[in-house]
C-alpha atoms as a PDB file:
ATOM      1  CA  MET A   1       0.249   0.031   0.179  1.00  0.00           C
ATOM      2  CA  PRO A   2       2.255   2.661  -0.988  1.00  0.00           C
ATOM      3  CA  THR A   3       1.652   6.779   0.910  1.00  0.00           C
ATOM      4  CA  TYR A   4       0.930   9.480  -0.649  1.00  0.00           C
ATOM      5  CA  VAL A   5       0.793  13.363   0.868  1.00  0.00           C
ATOM      6  CA  LEU A   6      -2.460  15.352   1.054  1.00  0.00           C
ATOM      7  CA  THR A   7      -1.096  18.247   0.264  1.00  0.00           C
ATOM      8  CA  SER A   8      -3.620  20.062   2.208  1.00  0.00           C
ATOM      9  CA  LYS A   9      -2.518  19.221   4.948  1.00  0.00           C
ATOM     10  CA  CYS A  10       1.196  19.137   5.106  1.00  0.00           C
ATOM     11  CA  LYS A  11       3.224  21.174   6.423  1.00  0.00           C
ATOM     12  CA  GLY A  12       6.595  20.784   4.806  1.00  0.00           C
ATOM     13  CA  CYS A  13       7.889  19.676   8.808  1.00  0.00           C
ATOM     14  CA  MET A  14      10.575  17.003   6.768  1.00  0.00           C
ATOM     15  CA  GLU A  15       9.331  14.758   9.254  1.00  0.00           C
ATOM     16  CA  CYS A  16       8.498  11.872   6.724  1.00  0.00           C
ATOM     17  CA  VAL A  17      11.721  12.464   4.692  1.00  0.00           C
ATOM     18  CA  ARG A  18      14.228  12.479   7.766  1.00  0.00           C
ATOM     19  CA  ILE A  19      12.570   8.556   8.589  1.00  0.00           C
ATOM     20  CA  CYS A  20      11.908   7.421   5.157  1.00  0.00           C
ATOM     21  CA  PRO A  21      14.162   4.318   4.742  1.00  0.00           C
ATOM     22  CA  SER A  22      13.826   4.200   0.806  1.00  0.00           C
ATOM     23  CA  ASP A  23      14.521   7.789   0.993  1.00  0.00           C
ATOM     24  CA  ILE A  24      11.385   8.540  -1.712  1.00  0.00           C
ATOM     25  CA  MET A  25       9.826  11.100   0.322  1.00  0.00           C
ATOM     26  CA  HIS A  26      11.028  13.856  -0.555  1.00  0.00           C
ATOM     27  CA  ILE A  27      10.132  18.348  -0.190  1.00  0.00           C
ATOM     28  CA  ASP A  28       9.017  19.775  -3.769  1.00  0.00           C
ATOM     29  CA  PRO A  29      10.767  22.832  -3.932  1.00  0.00           C
ATOM     30  CA  GLY A  30       7.878  24.931  -4.751  1.00  0.00           C
ATOM     31  CA  GLN A  31       4.984  24.110  -2.918  1.00  0.00           C
ATOM     32  CA  GLY A  32       6.825  22.980   0.249  1.00  0.00           C
ATOM     33  CA  ARG A  33       5.255  19.782   0.554  1.00  0.00           C
ATOM     34  CA  ALA A  34       6.318  16.497   0.936  1.00  0.00           C
ATOM     35  CA  TYR A  35       5.185  14.124  -1.765  1.00  0.00           C
ATOM     36  CA  ASN A  36       6.450  10.192  -2.581  1.00  0.00           C
ATOM     37  CA  ILE A  37       8.840  10.623  -5.327  1.00  0.00           C
ATOM     38  CA  GLU A  38       8.488   6.504  -6.873  1.00  0.00           C
ATOM     39  CA  PRO A  39       5.398   5.231  -4.900  1.00  0.00           C
ATOM     40  CA  PRO A  40       5.827   1.171  -6.369  1.00  0.00           C
ATOM     41  CA  MET A  41       9.553   2.017  -4.830  1.00  0.00           C
ATOM     42  CA  CYS A  42       7.169   2.413  -0.967  1.00  0.00           C
ATOM     43  CA  TRP A  43       8.607  -0.683   1.558  1.00  0.00           C
ATOM     44  CA  GLU A  44       5.464   0.009   3.192  1.00  0.00           C
ATOM     45  CA  CYS A  45       7.039   0.260   6.183  1.00  0.00           C
ATOM     46  CA  PHE A  46       4.745   3.244   7.256  1.00  0.00           C
ATOM     47  CA  ALA A  47       7.299   4.930   9.053  1.00  0.00           C
ATOM     48  CA  CYS A  48       6.391   7.907   7.114  1.00  0.00           C
ATOM     49  CA  VAL A  49       2.737   7.997   8.043  1.00  0.00           C
ATOM     50  CA  LYS A  50       3.870   7.540  12.051  1.00  0.00           C
ATOM     51  CA  ALA A  51       5.730   9.969  11.960  1.00  0.00           C
ATOM     52  CA  CYS A  52       2.929  12.734  10.505  1.00  0.00           C
ATOM     53  CA  PRO A  53       2.332  15.308  12.722  1.00  0.00           C
ATOM     54  CA  GLU A  54      -0.654  16.857  10.545  1.00  0.00           C
ATOM     55  CA  ALA A  55      -1.729  13.060   9.765  1.00  0.00           C
ATOM     56  CA  ALA A  56      -0.733  14.258   6.319  1.00  0.00           C
ATOM     57  CA  ILE A  57       0.364  11.024   4.366  1.00  0.00           C
ATOM     58  CA  GLU A  58      -2.835   8.042   3.538  1.00  0.00           C
ATOM     59  CA  VAL A  59      -2.399   4.830   1.949  1.00  0.00           C
ATOM     60  CA  ARG A  60      -4.016   3.534  -0.976  1.00  0.00           C
ATOM     61  CA  GLY A  61      -5.378  -0.052  -0.390  1.00  0.00           C
ATOM     62  CA  TYR A  62      -4.699  -2.774  -2.918  1.00  0.00           C
ATOM     63  CA  ALA A  63      -7.772  -3.884  -4.121  1.00  0.00           C
ATOM     64  CA  ASP A  64      -8.052  -7.990  -2.364  1.00  0.00           C
ATOM     65  CA  PHE A  65      -7.535  -5.386   0.801  1.00  0.00           C
ATOM     66  CA  ALA A  66     -10.108  -2.697   0.262  1.00  0.00           C
ATOM     67  CA  PRO A  67     -12.251  -2.254  -2.249  1.00  0.00           C
ATOM     68  CA  LEU A  68     -12.435  -0.156  -4.797  1.00  0.00           C
ATOM     69  CA  HIS A  69     -12.388   3.832  -4.152  1.00  0.00           C
ATOM     70  CA  HIS A  70     -11.928   2.716  -0.292  1.00  0.00           C
ATOM     71  CA  ARG A  71      -9.445   5.760   1.496  1.00  0.00           C
ATOM     72  CA  VAL A  72      -7.614   3.911   4.620  1.00  0.00           C
ATOM     73  CA  VAL A  73      -6.650   6.757   6.873  1.00  0.00           C
ATOM     74  CA  PRO A  74      -4.447   6.205   9.514  1.00  0.00           C
ATOM     75  CA  THR A  75      -4.541   9.047  13.007  1.00  0.00           C
ATOM     76  CA  ARG A  76      -1.677   8.846  15.611  1.00  0.00           C
ATOM     77  CA  THR A  77      -2.393   9.546  19.317  1.00  0.00           C
ATOM     78  CA  THR A  78      -0.551   9.918  21.993  1.00  0.00           C
ATOM     79  CA  ASP A  79      -0.836   6.121  22.944  1.00  0.00           C
ATOM     80  CA  ARG A  80      -1.451   4.107  19.367  1.00  0.00           C
ATOM     81  CA  ILE A  81      -2.533   4.096  16.153  1.00  0.00           C
ATOM     82  CA  GLU A  82      -5.478   4.217  14.518  1.00  0.00           C
ATOM     83  CA  TRP A  83      -6.194   2.471  11.118  1.00  0.00           C
ATOM     84  CA  ASN A  84      -9.646   3.436   9.375  1.00  0.00           C
ATOM     85  CA  ILE A  85     -10.809   2.424   5.865  1.00  0.00           C
ATOM     86  CA  VAL A  86     -13.220   3.883   4.428  1.00  0.00           C
ATOM     87  CA  MET A  87     -15.906   1.928   2.043  1.00  0.00           C
ATOM     88  CA  ARG A  88     -17.214   3.298  -0.399  1.00  0.00           C
ATOM     89  CA  SER A  89     -20.684   3.242   0.826  1.00  0.00           C
ATOM     90  CA  GLY A  90     -19.390   5.780   4.197  1.00  0.00           C
ATOM     91  CA  SER A  91     -19.040   2.528   6.582  1.00  0.00           C
ATOM     92  CA  THR A  92     -15.951   2.474   8.656  1.00  0.00           C
ATOM     93  CA  LYS A  93     -13.728   0.193   9.364  1.00  0.00           C
ATOM     94  CA  GLN A  94     -11.274   0.733  12.739  1.00  0.00           C
ATOM     95  CA  PHE A  95      -7.891  -1.492  13.667  1.00  0.00           C
ATOM     96  CA  VAL A  96      -6.401   0.213  16.677  1.00  0.00           C
ATOM     97  CA  PHE A  97      -2.488  -0.819  17.712  1.00  0.00           C
ATOM     98  CA  PRO A  98      -0.823   1.103  20.524  1.00  0.00           C
ATOM     99  CA  ILE A  99       2.332   2.487  20.242  1.00  0.00           C
ATOM    100  CA  ARG A 100       4.873   0.954  22.695  1.00  0.00           C
ATOM    101  CA  THR A 101       7.849   3.690  23.976  1.00  0.00           C
ATOM    102  CA  THR A 102      10.465   2.503  25.686  1.00  0.00           C
ATOM    103  CA  PRO A 103      12.684   5.175  27.811  1.00  0.00           C
ATOM    104  CA  TRP A 104      15.425   6.013  26.143  1.00  0.00           C
ATOM    105  CA  GLY A 105      17.953   4.277  28.037  1.00  0.00           C
ATOM    106  CA  SER A 106      15.552   1.191  29.683  1.00  0.00           C
ATOM    107  CA  ILE A 107      17.031  -1.429  27.111  1.00  0.00           C
ATOM    108  CA  ARG A 108      20.274  -3.336  28.348  1.00  0.00           C
ATOM    109  CA  PRO A 109      22.672  -3.428  26.063  1.00  0.00           C
ATOM    110  CA  PRO A 110      23.880  -7.175  25.385  1.00  0.00           C
ATOM    111  CA  GLN A 111      27.391  -6.729  26.298  1.00  0.00           C
ATOM    112  CA  GLU A 112      25.388  -6.594  30.110  1.00  0.00           C
ATOM    113  CA  SER A 113      23.610 -10.101  30.136  1.00  0.00           C
ATOM    114  CA  PRO A 114      25.343 -13.615  30.372  1.00  0.00           C
ATOM    115  CA  PRO A 115      26.537 -16.142  27.673  1.00  0.00           C
ATOM    116  CA  PRO A 116      23.307 -18.353  26.019  1.00  0.00           C
ATOM    117  CA  SER A 117      23.465 -21.550  27.453  1.00  0.00           C
ATOM    118  CA  PRO A 118      24.288 -23.867  25.019  1.00  0.00           C
ATOM    119  CA  GLU A 119      20.283 -25.188  25.564  1.00  0.00           C
ATOM    120  CA  ALA A 120      19.641 -21.756  24.810  1.00  0.00           C
ATOM    121  CA  LEU A 121      21.329 -21.483  21.716  1.00  0.00           C
ATOM    122  CA  ARG A 122      18.796 -24.646  20.365  1.00  0.00           C
ATOM    123  CA  SER A 123      15.307 -22.670  21.580  1.00  0.00           C
ATOM    124  CA  GLU A 124      13.430 -21.766  18.135  1.00  0.00           C
ATOM    125  CA  LEU A 125      13.641 -18.524  21.257  1.00  0.00           C
ATOM    126  CA  LEU A 126      14.668 -15.628  20.413  1.00  0.00           C
ATOM    127  CA  SER A 127      17.563 -14.160  23.283  1.00  0.00           C
ATOM    128  CA  PHE A 128      16.369 -13.304  26.332  1.00  0.00           C
ATOM    129  CA  GLU A 129      12.504 -13.340  24.994  1.00  0.00           C
ATOM    130  CA  PRO A 130      10.204 -14.246  27.570  1.00  0.00           C
ATOM    131  CA  ASP A 131      12.316 -11.975  30.007  1.00  0.00           C
ATOM    132  CA  TYR A 132      11.904  -9.189  27.683  1.00  0.00           C
ATOM    133  CA  LEU A 133       7.904 -10.273  26.762  1.00  0.00           C
ATOM    134  CA  ALA A 134       7.043 -10.222  31.034  1.00  0.00           C
ATOM    135  CA  VAL A 135       5.762 -14.387  30.433  1.00  0.00           C
ATOM    136  CA  GLU A 136       6.948 -17.147  31.951  1.00  0.00           C
ATOM    137  CA  SER A 137       7.118 -19.172  28.467  1.00  0.00           C
ATOM    138  CA  LEU A 138       5.997 -19.064  24.673  1.00  0.00           C
ATOM    139  CA  PRO A 139       4.309 -21.591  22.907  1.00  0.00           C
ATOM    140  CA  THR A 140       6.421 -23.323  20.787  1.00  0.00           C
ATOM    141  CA  LEU A 141       6.096 -25.770  17.365  1.00  0.00           C
ATOM    142  CA  ALA A 142       5.730 -29.266  18.146  1.00  0.00           C
ATOM    143  CA  ARG A 143       8.281 -32.210  16.928  1.00  0.00           C
ATOM    144  CA  PRO A 144       7.096 -34.191  14.432  1.00  0.00           C
ATOM    145  CA  PRO A 145       8.078 -38.128  16.353  1.00  0.00           C
ATOM    146  CA  SER A 146      11.973 -38.883  15.460  1.00  0.00           C
ATOM    147  CA  GLY A 147      12.276 -42.115  12.602  1.00  0.00           C
ATOM    148  CA  GLY A 148       9.605 -41.097  10.294  1.00  0.00           C
ATOM    149  CA  ALA A 149       7.257 -43.354   8.437  1.00  0.00           C
END
């Protein structure tokens, strides 16, 4: 779902330009507004959508995701991102996702962690995953019986 800028809302703050990993968000020198110079090259990370303080960046949904003549309107608040899909009939589907914010310096660097045990190296879990997620354990895939049939 490539992004596009609503120039009526864009203030030219350059937040989208600074954060775009594929360097396709630019400022139009004539209008002073952002635009996506190459929509097919969009990584669809939506970093620009999340960073835009004016909610001036929307996305175009694919036909298998939303029907023709729809709009995908993201809204950012301090604690969540809301994706509103406005159907051509006017009805709206809303998806809400929390924004996780972590204070700077609160994550323990890898150098301060003990080395993993041989048992942990054979696990499919990431390093210290249950601890960081604050759960006792994570579900694992059942292993097929050895020997085969």
